[in-house]
Amino acid sequence: MFWTLIGATAATLTMFSFIPQIFRSLRTKSVKDVSPITLFQLSLGVLLWMIYGFARHDPIIIIANATTLVTLAVIIFLYFKYGRSK
Protein backbone atom coordinates (compact mmCIF):
# COMPACT_ATOMS: atom_id res chain seq x y z
CA MET A 1 0.00 0.00 0.00
CA PHE A 2 2.79 2.45 0.92
CA TRP A 3 4.62 1.95 -2.37
CA THR A 4 1.40 2.30 -4.34
CA LEU A 5 0.86 5.65 -2.62
CA ILE A 6 4.41 6.71 -3.45
CA GLY A 7 3.90 5.65 -7.08
CA ALA A 8 0.55 7.42 -7.36
CA THR A 9 1.99 10.61 -5.86
CA ALA A 10 4.97 10.53 -8.22
CA ALA A 11 2.64 9.87 -11.14
CA THR A 12 0.40 12.79 -10.21
CA LEU A 13 3.33 15.19 -9.93
CA THR A 14 4.69 14.01 -13.28
CA MET A 15 1.33 14.10 -15.06
CA PHE A 16 0.74 17.74 -14.28
CA SER A 17 4.31 19.03 -14.38
CA PHE A 18 3.86 20.71 -17.77
CA ILE A 19 0.55 22.42 -17.00
CA PRO A 20 2.25 25.63 -15.76
CA GLN A 21 4.28 25.79 -18.99
CA ILE A 22 1.13 25.32 -21.06
CA PHE A 23 -0.63 28.16 -19.24
CA ARG A 24 2.43 30.40 -19.56
CA SER A 25 2.75 29.69 -23.28
CA LEU A 26 -0.94 30.38 -23.83
CA ARG A 27 -0.79 33.61 -21.79
CA THR A 28 2.37 34.99 -23.44
CA LYS A 29 1.83 33.36 -26.84
CA SER A 30 5.53 32.55 -26.71
CA VAL A 31 7.58 29.37 -26.50
CA LYS A 32 10.98 31.00 -26.84
CA ASP A 33 12.34 29.31 -23.71
CA VAL A 34 11.08 25.84 -24.62
CA SER A 35 13.58 23.32 -26.01
CA PRO A 36 12.07 21.19 -28.78
CA ILE A 37 14.77 18.55 -28.38
CA THR A 38 13.83 18.15 -24.72
CA LEU A 39 10.14 17.89 -25.59
CA PHE A 40 10.68 15.19 -28.21
CA GLN A 41 13.18 13.26 -26.09
CA LEU A 42 10.87 13.32 -23.09
CA SER A 43 7.89 12.36 -25.26
CA LEU A 44 9.75 9.30 -26.51
CA GLY A 45 10.73 8.36 -22.96
CA VAL A 46 7.15 8.78 -21.73
CA LEU A 47 5.84 6.71 -24.64
CA LEU A 48 8.28 3.92 -23.77
CA TRP A 49 7.23 4.09 -20.10
CA MET A 50 3.62 3.78 -21.19
CA ILE A 51 4.44 0.70 -23.29
CA TYR A 52 6.28 -0.72 -20.29
CA GLY A 53 3.19 -0.07 -18.16
CA PHE A 54 1.06 -2.05 -20.61
CA ALA A 55 3.56 -4.92 -20.51
CA ARG A 56 3.44 -4.89 -16.69
CA HIS A 57 -0.34 -4.36 -16.57
CA ASP A 58 0.27 -1.39 -14.26
CA PRO A 59 -2.53 1.18 -14.49
CA ILE A 60 -0.57 3.83 -12.54
CA ILE A 61 2.28 3.74 -15.06
CA ILE A 62 -0.12 3.65 -18.02
CA ILE A 63 -2.39 6.50 -16.90
CA ALA A 64 0.43 8.72 -15.67
CA ASN A 65 2.41 8.42 -18.86
CA ALA A 66 -0.60 8.71 -21.15
CA THR A 67 -1.61 11.93 -19.39
CA THR A 68 1.95 13.25 -19.50
CA LEU A 69 2.14 12.42 -23.20
CA VAL A 70 -1.03 14.44 -23.82
CA THR A 71 0.38 17.47 -22.00
CA LEU A 72 3.62 17.14 -23.97
CA ALA A 73 1.61 16.96 -27.21
CA VAL A 74 -0.12 20.21 -26.24
CA ILE A 75 3.22 21.93 -25.64
CA ILE A 76 4.63 20.61 -28.91
CA PHE A 77 1.52 21.92 -30.69
CA LEU A 78 2.01 25.32 -29.05
CA TYR A 79 5.68 25.24 -30.04
CA PHE A 80 4.75 24.91 -33.70
CA LYS A 81 1.81 27.32 -33.40
CA TYR A 82 3.72 30.17 -31.77
CA GLY A 83 7.20 29.42 -33.06
CA ARG A 84 10.40 30.35 -31.28
CA SER A 85 10.97 33.68 -32.99
CA LYS A 86 7.78 35.43 -31.94
PDB file of N, CA and C in Angstrom:
ATOM      1  N   MET A   1       0.816  -1.200   0.000  1.00  0.00           N
ATOM      2  CA  MET A   1       0.000   0.000   0.000  1.00  0.00           C
ATOM      3  C   MET A   1       0.859   1.262   0.000  1.00  0.00           C
ATOM      4  N   PHE A   2       1.915   1.284   0.832  1.00  0.00           N
ATOM      5  CA  PHE A   2       2.791   2.447   0.925  1.00  0.00           C
ATOM      6  C   PHE A   2       3.435   2.753  -0.420  1.00  0.00           C
ATOM      7  N   TRP A   3       3.940   1.725  -1.093  1.00  0.00           N
ATOM      8  CA  TRP A   3       4.624   1.954  -2.370  1.00  0.00           C
ATOM      9  C   TRP A   3       3.649   2.356  -3.468  1.00  0.00           C
ATOM     10  N   THR A   4       2.424   1.869  -3.388  1.00  0.00           N
ATOM     11  CA  THR A   4       1.400   2.300  -4.338  1.00  0.00           C
ATOM     12  C   THR A   4       1.117   3.787  -4.153  1.00  0.00           C
ATOM     13  N   LEU A   5       1.064   4.233  -2.907  1.00  0.00           N
ATOM     14  CA  LEU A   5       0.856   5.649  -2.622  1.00  0.00           C
ATOM     15  C   LEU A   5       2.022   6.493  -3.130  1.00  0.00           C
ATOM     16  N   ILE A   6       3.223   6.006  -2.929  1.00  0.00           N
ATOM     17  CA  ILE A   6       4.414   6.707  -3.448  1.00  0.00           C
ATOM     18  C   ILE A   6       4.333   6.787  -4.977  1.00  0.00           C
ATOM     19  N   GLY A   7       4.009   5.681  -5.625  1.00  0.00           N
ATOM     20  CA  GLY A   7       3.899   5.655  -7.084  1.00  0.00           C
ATOM     21  C   GLY A   7       2.807   6.567  -7.598  1.00  0.00           C
ATOM     22  N   ALA A   8       1.666   6.563  -6.939  1.00  0.00           N
ATOM     23  CA  ALA A   8       0.554   7.418  -7.363  1.00  0.00           C
ATOM     24  C   ALA A   8       0.892   8.892  -7.174  1.00  0.00           C
ATOM     25  N   THR A   9       1.573   9.222  -6.092  1.00  0.00           N
ATOM     26  CA  THR A   9       1.989  10.613  -5.856  1.00  0.00           C
ATOM     27  C   THR A   9       2.998  11.054  -6.909  1.00  0.00           C
ATOM     28  N   ALA A  10       3.977  10.218  -7.184  1.00  0.00           N
ATOM     29  CA  ALA A  10       4.972  10.534  -8.216  1.00  0.00           C
ATOM     30  C   ALA A  10       4.297  10.686  -9.572  1.00  0.00           C
ATOM     31  N   ALA A  11       3.357   9.814  -9.865  1.00  0.00           N
ATOM     32  CA  ALA A  11       2.639   9.869 -11.135  1.00  0.00           C
ATOM     33  C   ALA A  11       1.849  11.166 -11.255  1.00  0.00           C
ATOM     34  N   THR A  12       1.190  11.559 -10.188  1.00  0.00           N
ATOM     35  CA  THR A  12       0.397  12.793 -10.208  1.00  0.00           C
ATOM     36  C   THR A  12       1.284  14.012 -10.433  1.00  0.00           C
ATOM     37  N   LEU A  13       2.397  14.068  -9.743  1.00  0.00           N
ATOM     38  CA  LEU A  13       3.328  15.188  -9.925  1.00  0.00           C
ATOM     39  C   LEU A  13       3.854  15.232 -11.361  1.00  0.00           C
ATOM     40  N   THR A  14       4.178  14.077 -11.914  1.00  0.00           N
ATOM     41  CA  THR A  14       4.691  14.010 -13.282  1.00  0.00           C
ATOM     42  C   THR A  14       3.617  14.379 -14.299  1.00  0.00           C
ATOM     43  N   MET A  15       2.411  13.857 -14.097  1.00  0.00           N
ATOM     44  CA  MET A  15       1.327  14.099 -15.058  1.00  0.00           C
ATOM     45  C   MET A  15       1.063  15.584 -15.264  1.00  0.00           C
ATOM     46  N   PHE A  16       1.132  16.332 -14.199  1.00  0.00           N
ATOM     47  CA  PHE A  16       0.743  17.739 -14.282  1.00  0.00           C
ATOM     48  C   PHE A  16       1.933  18.700 -14.269  1.00  0.00           C
ATOM     49  N   SER A  17       3.120  18.179 -14.459  1.00  0.00           N
ATOM     50  CA  SER A  17       4.310  19.029 -14.382  1.00  0.00           C
ATOM     51  C   SER A  17       4.401  20.049 -15.519  1.00  0.00           C
ATOM     52  N   PHE A  18       3.774  19.788 -16.647  1.00  0.00           N
ATOM     53  CA  PHE A  18       3.861  20.712 -17.773  1.00  0.00           C
ATOM     54  C   PHE A  18       2.675  21.678 -17.854  1.00  0.00           C
ATOM     55  N   ILE A  19       1.709  21.529 -16.983  1.00  0.00           N
ATOM     56  CA  ILE A  19       0.550  22.421 -16.998  1.00  0.00           C
ATOM     57  C   ILE A  19       0.953  23.888 -16.813  1.00  0.00           C
ATOM     58  N   PRO A  20       1.849  24.224 -15.874  1.00  0.00           N
ATOM     59  CA  PRO A  20       2.254  25.633 -15.760  1.00  0.00           C
ATOM     60  C   PRO A  20       2.888  26.177 -17.046  1.00  0.00           C
ATOM     61  N   GLN A  21       3.661  25.350 -17.738  1.00  0.00           N
ATOM     62  CA  GLN A  21       4.284  25.786 -18.993  1.00  0.00           C
ATOM     63  C   GLN A  21       3.232  26.001 -20.073  1.00  0.00           C
ATOM     64  N   ILE A  22       2.225  25.155 -20.094  1.00  0.00           N
ATOM     65  CA  ILE A  22       1.134  25.319 -21.060  1.00  0.00           C
ATOM     66  C   ILE A  22       0.421  26.643 -20.815  1.00  0.00           C
ATOM     67  N   PHE A  23       0.060  26.903 -19.556  1.00  0.00           N
ATOM     68  CA  PHE A  23      -0.625  28.162 -19.236  1.00  0.00           C
ATOM     69  C   PHE A  23       0.240  29.378 -19.563  1.00  0.00           C
ATOM     70  N   ARG A  24       1.523  29.280 -19.262  1.00  0.00           N
ATOM     71  CA  ARG A  24       2.428  30.398 -19.563  1.00  0.00           C
ATOM     72  C   ARG A  24       2.528  30.630 -21.067  1.00  0.00           C
ATOM     73  N   SER A  25       2.659  29.567 -21.822  1.00  0.00           N
ATOM     74  CA  SER A  25       2.749  29.690 -23.276  1.00  0.00           C
ATOM     75  C   SER A  25       1.474  30.265 -23.873  1.00  0.00           C
ATOM     76  N   LEU A  26       0.335  29.839 -23.344  1.00  0.00           N
ATOM     77  CA  LEU A  26      -0.936  30.381 -23.830  1.00  0.00           C
ATOM     78  C   LEU A  26      -1.083  31.861 -23.468  1.00  0.00           C
ATOM     79  N   ARG A  27      -0.663  32.225 -22.252  1.00  0.00           N
ATOM     80  CA  ARG A  27      -0.792  33.606 -21.794  1.00  0.00           C
ATOM     81  C   ARG A  27       0.128  34.545 -22.579  1.00  0.00           C
ATOM     82  N   THR A  28       1.383  34.119 -22.776  1.00  0.00           N
ATOM     83  CA  THR A  28       2.368  34.988 -23.437  1.00  0.00           C
ATOM     84  C   THR A  28       2.403  34.794 -24.952  1.00  0.00           C
ATOM     85  N   LYS A  29       1.769  33.727 -25.428  1.00  0.00           N
ATOM     86  CA  LYS A  29       1.834  33.357 -26.844  1.00  0.00           C
ATOM     87  C   LYS A  29       3.291  33.247 -27.312  1.00  0.00           C
ATOM     88  N   SER A  30       4.107  32.687 -26.432  1.00  0.00           N
ATOM     89  CA  SER A  30       5.530  32.545 -26.713  1.00  0.00           C
ATOM     90  C   SER A  30       6.030  31.205 -26.172  1.00  0.00           C
ATOM     91  N   VAL A  31       6.925  30.604 -26.924  1.00  0.00           N
ATOM     92  CA  VAL A  31       7.575  29.370 -26.496  1.00  0.00           C
ATOM     93  C   VAL A  31       9.094  29.500 -26.639  1.00  0.00           C
ATOM     94  N   LYS A  32       9.570  30.749 -26.565  1.00  0.00           N
ATOM     95  CA  LYS A  32      10.980  31.002 -26.843  1.00  0.00           C
ATOM     96  C   LYS A  32      11.924  30.298 -25.877  1.00  0.00           C
ATOM     97  N   ASP A  33      11.470  29.975 -24.673  1.00  0.00           N
ATOM     98  CA  ASP A  33      12.339  29.307 -23.708  1.00  0.00           C
ATOM     99  C   ASP A  33      12.148  27.794 -23.673  1.00  0.00           C
ATOM    100  N   VAL A  34      11.364  27.271 -24.596  1.00  0.00           N
ATOM    101  CA  VAL A  34      11.081  25.839 -24.624  1.00  0.00           C
ATOM    102  C   VAL A  34      12.028  25.156 -25.606  1.00  0.00           C
ATOM    103  N   SER A  35      12.651  24.079 -25.157  1.00  0.00           N
ATOM    104  CA  SER A  35      13.577  23.323 -26.009  1.00  0.00           C
ATOM    105  C   SER A  35      12.828  22.205 -26.731  1.00  0.00           C
ATOM    106  N   PRO A  36      12.776  22.253 -28.055  1.00  0.00           N
ATOM    107  CA  PRO A  36      12.070  21.188 -28.776  1.00  0.00           C
ATOM    108  C   PRO A  36      12.755  19.830 -28.632  1.00  0.00           C
ATOM    109  N   ILE A  37      14.061  19.822 -28.538  1.00  0.00           N
ATOM    110  CA  ILE A  37      14.771  18.548 -28.376  1.00  0.00           C
ATOM    111  C   ILE A  37      14.363  17.887 -27.062  1.00  0.00           C
ATOM    112  N   THR A  38      14.269  18.685 -26.009  1.00  0.00           N
ATOM    113  CA  THR A  38      13.834  18.152 -24.716  1.00  0.00           C
ATOM    114  C   THR A  38      12.418  17.610 -24.808  1.00  0.00           C
ATOM    115  N   LEU A  39      11.534  18.341 -25.466  1.00  0.00           N
ATOM    116  CA  LEU A  39      10.140  17.893 -25.587  1.00  0.00           C
ATOM    117  C   LEU A  39      10.032  16.565 -26.322  1.00  0.00           C
ATOM    118  N   PHE A  40      10.756  16.436 -27.437  1.00  0.00           N
ATOM    119  CA  PHE A  40      10.679  15.192 -28.208  1.00  0.00           C
ATOM    120  C   PHE A  40      11.363  14.036 -27.481  1.00  0.00           C
ATOM    121  N   GLN A  41      12.479  14.312 -26.831  1.00  0.00           N
ATOM    122  CA  GLN A  41      13.178  13.263 -26.087  1.00  0.00           C
ATOM    123  C   GLN A  41      12.317  12.775 -24.928  1.00  0.00           C
ATOM    124  N   LEU A  42      11.736  13.701 -24.193  1.00  0.00           N
ATOM    125  CA  LEU A  42      10.871  13.325 -23.088  1.00  0.00           C
ATOM    126  C   LEU A  42       9.628  12.596 -23.583  1.00  0.00           C
ATOM    127  N   SER A  43       9.062  13.033 -24.700  1.00  0.00           N
ATOM    128  CA  SER A  43       7.889  12.362 -25.261  1.00  0.00           C
ATOM    129  C   SER A  43       8.201  10.910 -25.603  1.00  0.00           C
ATOM    130  N   LEU A  44       9.354  10.672 -26.193  1.00  0.00           N
ATOM    131  CA  LEU A  44       9.748   9.297 -26.511  1.00  0.00           C
ATOM    132  C   LEU A  44       9.911   8.482 -25.240  1.00  0.00           C
ATOM    133  N   GLY A  45      10.560   9.058 -24.225  1.00  0.00           N
ATOM    134  CA  GLY A  45      10.729   8.356 -22.956  1.00  0.00           C
ATOM    135  C   GLY A  45       9.401   8.026 -22.305  1.00  0.00           C
ATOM    136  N   VAL A  46       8.478   8.983 -22.321  1.00  0.00           N
ATOM    137  CA  VAL A  46       7.153   8.778 -21.729  1.00  0.00           C
ATOM    138  C   VAL A  46       6.386   7.710 -22.505  1.00  0.00           C
ATOM    139  N   LEU A  47       6.484   7.735 -23.834  1.00  0.00           N
ATOM    140  CA  LEU A  47       5.836   6.708 -24.642  1.00  0.00           C
ATOM    141  C   LEU A  47       6.371   5.324 -24.290  1.00  0.00           C
ATOM    142  N   LEU A  48       7.685   5.215 -24.140  1.00  0.00           N
ATOM    143  CA  LEU A  48       8.280   3.920 -23.772  1.00  0.00           C
ATOM    144  C   LEU A  48       7.845   3.477 -22.377  1.00  0.00           C
ATOM    145  N   TRP A  49       7.734   4.424 -21.433  1.00  0.00           N
ATOM    146  CA  TRP A  49       7.226   4.092 -20.103  1.00  0.00           C
ATOM    147  C   TRP A  49       5.790   3.593 -20.184  1.00  0.00           C
ATOM    148  N   MET A  50       4.999   4.202 -21.043  1.00  0.00           N
ATOM    149  CA  MET A  50       3.617   3.777 -21.193  1.00  0.00           C
ATOM    150  C   MET A  50       3.554   2.348 -21.752  1.00  0.00           C
ATOM    151  N   ILE A  51       4.370   2.057 -22.737  1.00  0.00           N
ATOM    152  CA  ILE A  51       4.438   0.701 -23.290  1.00  0.00           C
ATOM    153  C   ILE A  51       4.861  -0.290 -22.205  1.00  0.00           C
ATOM    154  N   TYR A  52       5.839   0.114 -21.409  1.00  0.00           N
ATOM    155  CA  TYR A  52       6.284  -0.718 -20.288  1.00  0.00           C
ATOM    156  C   TYR A  52       5.125  -0.966 -19.313  1.00  0.00           C
ATOM    157  N   GLY A  53       4.345   0.072 -19.046  1.00  0.00           N
ATOM    158  CA  GLY A  53       3.191  -0.066 -18.160  1.00  0.00           C
ATOM    159  C   GLY A  53       2.185  -1.077 -18.686  1.00  0.00           C
ATOM    160  N   PHE A  54       1.965  -1.053 -20.014  1.00  0.00           N
ATOM    161  CA  PHE A  54       1.061  -2.053 -20.609  1.00  0.00           C
ATOM    162  C   PHE A  54       1.634  -3.460 -20.445  1.00  0.00           C
ATOM    163  N   ALA A  55       2.928  -3.602 -20.653  1.00  0.00           N
ATOM    164  CA  ALA A  55       3.556  -4.915 -20.512  1.00  0.00           C
ATOM    165  C   ALA A  55       3.454  -5.429 -19.077  1.00  0.00           C
ATOM    166  N   ARG A  56       3.511  -4.523 -18.114  1.00  0.00           N
ATOM    167  CA  ARG A  56       3.438  -4.892 -16.694  1.00  0.00           C
ATOM    168  C   ARG A  56       2.001  -4.896 -16.150  1.00  0.00           C
ATOM    169  N   HIS A  57       1.060  -4.470 -16.992  1.00  0.00           N
ATOM    170  CA  HIS A  57      -0.343  -4.364 -16.569  1.00  0.00           C
ATOM    171  C   HIS A  57      -0.471  -3.457 -15.336  1.00  0.00           C
ATOM    172  N   ASP A  58       0.241  -2.320 -15.392  1.00  0.00           N
ATOM    173  CA  ASP A  58       0.269  -1.391 -14.263  1.00  0.00           C
ATOM    174  C   ASP A  58      -0.494  -0.113 -14.620  1.00  0.00           C
ATOM    175  N   PRO A  59      -1.719   0.017 -14.110  1.00  0.00           N
ATOM    176  CA  PRO A  59      -2.533   1.184 -14.489  1.00  0.00           C
ATOM    177  C   PRO A  59      -1.924   2.522 -14.066  1.00  0.00           C
ATOM    178  N   ILE A  60      -1.191   2.563 -12.962  1.00  0.00           N
ATOM    179  CA  ILE A  60      -0.572   3.826 -12.542  1.00  0.00           C
ATOM    180  C   ILE A  60       0.430   4.290 -13.587  1.00  0.00           C
ATOM    181  N   ILE A  61       1.271   3.394 -14.051  1.00  0.00           N
ATOM    182  CA  ILE A  61       2.279   3.745 -15.063  1.00  0.00           C
ATOM    183  C   ILE A  61       1.589   4.129 -16.375  1.00  0.00           C
ATOM    184  N   ILE A  62       0.584   3.385 -16.756  1.00  0.00           N
ATOM    185  CA  ILE A  62      -0.121   3.653 -18.024  1.00  0.00           C
ATOM    186  C   ILE A  62      -0.811   5.012 -17.990  1.00  0.00           C
ATOM    187  N   ILE A  63      -1.619   5.252 -16.970  1.00  0.00           N
ATOM    188  CA  ILE A  63      -2.393   6.499 -16.898  1.00  0.00           C
ATOM    189  C   ILE A  63      -1.483   7.706 -16.747  1.00  0.00           C
ATOM    190  N   ALA A  64      -0.482   7.591 -15.890  1.00  0.00           N
ATOM    191  CA  ALA A  64       0.428   8.717 -15.672  1.00  0.00           C
ATOM    192  C   ALA A  64       1.150   9.099 -16.952  1.00  0.00           C
ATOM    193  N   ASN A  65       1.644   8.120 -17.658  1.00  0.00           N
ATOM    194  CA  ASN A  65       2.413   8.422 -18.858  1.00  0.00           C
ATOM    195  C   ASN A  65       1.532   8.816 -20.030  1.00  0.00           C
ATOM    196  N   ALA A  66       0.333   8.280 -20.106  1.00  0.00           N
ATOM    197  CA  ALA A  66      -0.600   8.708 -21.154  1.00  0.00           C
ATOM    198  C   ALA A  66      -0.977  10.173 -20.941  1.00  0.00           C
ATOM    199  N   THR A  67      -1.256  10.542 -19.704  1.00  0.00           N
ATOM    200  CA  THR A  67      -1.606  11.931 -19.391  1.00  0.00           C
ATOM    201  C   THR A  67      -0.426  12.861 -19.664  1.00  0.00           C
ATOM    202  N   THR A  68       0.754  12.454 -19.248  1.00  0.00           N
ATOM    203  CA  THR A  68       1.951  13.254 -19.500  1.00  0.00           C
ATOM    204  C   THR A  68       2.185  13.410 -20.994  1.00  0.00           C
ATOM    205  N   LEU A  69       1.971  12.352 -21.753  1.00  0.00           N
ATOM    206  CA  LEU A  69       2.144  12.423 -23.202  1.00  0.00           C
ATOM    207  C   LEU A  69       1.164  13.417 -23.829  1.00  0.00           C
ATOM    208  N   VAL A  70      -0.051  13.468 -23.323  1.00  0.00           N
ATOM    209  CA  VAL A  70      -1.034  14.437 -23.822  1.00  0.00           C
ATOM    210  C   VAL A  70      -0.566  15.866 -23.535  1.00  0.00           C
ATOM    211  N   THR A  71      -0.082  16.117 -22.316  1.00  0.00           N
ATOM    212  CA  THR A  71       0.385  17.473 -22.003  1.00  0.00           C
ATOM    213  C   THR A  71       1.604  17.841 -22.847  1.00  0.00           C
ATOM    214  N   LEU A  72       2.469  16.884 -23.099  1.00  0.00           N
ATOM    215  CA  LEU A  72       3.616  17.144 -23.973  1.00  0.00           C
ATOM    216  C   LEU A  72       3.157  17.430 -25.403  1.00  0.00           C
ATOM    217  N   ALA A  73       2.146  16.715 -25.861  1.00  0.00           N
ATOM    218  CA  ALA A  73       1.614  16.962 -27.206  1.00  0.00           C
ATOM    219  C   ALA A  73       1.052  18.378 -27.309  1.00  0.00           C
ATOM    220  N   VAL A  74       0.409  18.845 -26.243  1.00  0.00           N
ATOM    221  CA  VAL A  74      -0.121  20.214 -26.244  1.00  0.00           C
ATOM    222  C   VAL A  74       1.023  21.211 -26.343  1.00  0.00           C
ATOM    223  N   ILE A  75       2.079  21.001 -25.587  1.00  0.00           N
ATOM    224  CA  ILE A  75       3.217  21.934 -25.635  1.00  0.00           C
ATOM    225  C   ILE A  75       3.892  21.889 -27.002  1.00  0.00           C
ATOM    226  N   ILE A  76       4.025  20.715 -27.571  1.00  0.00           N
ATOM    227  CA  ILE A  76       4.625  20.609 -28.914  1.00  0.00           C
ATOM    228  C   ILE A  76       3.749  21.335 -29.927  1.00  0.00           C
ATOM    229  N   PHE A  77       2.436  21.182 -29.818  1.00  0.00           N
ATOM    230  CA  PHE A  77       1.517  21.920 -30.691  1.00  0.00           C
ATOM    231  C   PHE A  77       1.728  23.426 -30.534  1.00  0.00           C
ATOM    232  N   LEU A  78       1.797  23.890 -29.297  1.00  0.00           N
ATOM    233  CA  LEU A  78       2.015  25.319 -29.051  1.00  0.00           C
ATOM    234  C   LEU A  78       3.363  25.776 -29.594  1.00  0.00           C
ATOM    235  N   TYR A  79       4.352  24.907 -29.509  1.00  0.00           N
ATOM    236  CA  TYR A  79       5.681  25.241 -30.035  1.00  0.00           C
ATOM    237  C   TYR A  79       5.588  25.539 -31.535  1.00  0.00           C
ATOM    238  N   PHE A  80       4.873  24.690 -32.256  1.00  0.00           N
ATOM    239  CA  PHE A  80       4.745  24.908 -33.699  1.00  0.00           C
ATOM    240  C   PHE A  80       3.766  26.040 -34.024  1.00  0.00           C
ATOM    241  N   LYS A  81       2.777  26.245 -33.167  1.00  0.00           N
ATOM    242  CA  LYS A  81       1.807  27.316 -33.397  1.00  0.00           C
ATOM    243  C   LYS A  81       2.447  28.690 -33.196  1.00  0.00           C
ATOM    244  N   TYR A  82       3.160  28.866 -32.103  1.00  0.00           N
ATOM    245  CA  TYR A  82       3.720  30.174 -31.773  1.00  0.00           C
ATOM    246  C   TYR A  82       5.124  30.388 -32.315  1.00  0.00           C
ATOM    247  N   GLY A  83       5.842  29.300 -32.552  1.00  0.00           N
ATOM    248  CA  GLY A  83       7.199  29.419 -33.065  1.00  0.00           C
ATOM    249  C   GLY A  83       8.137  30.030 -32.046  1.00  0.00           C
ATOM    250  N   ARG A  84       9.402  29.844 -32.234  1.00  0.00           N
ATOM    251  CA  ARG A  84      10.397  30.350 -31.275  1.00  0.00           C
ATOM    252  C   ARG A  84      10.710  31.821 -31.504  1.00  0.00           C
ATOM    253  N   SER A  85      10.514  32.321 -32.690  1.00  0.00           N
ATOM    254  CA  SER A  85      10.973  33.677 -32.995  1.00  0.00           C
ATOM    255  C   SER A  85       9.997  34.769 -32.581  1.00  0.00           C
ATOM    256  N   LYS A  86       8.773  34.410 -32.281  1.00  0.00           N
ATOM    257  CA  LYS A  86       7.778  35.431 -31.940  1.00  0.00           C
ATOM    258  C   LYS A  86       7.921  35.909 -30.519  1.00  0.00           C
TER     259      LYS A  86
END
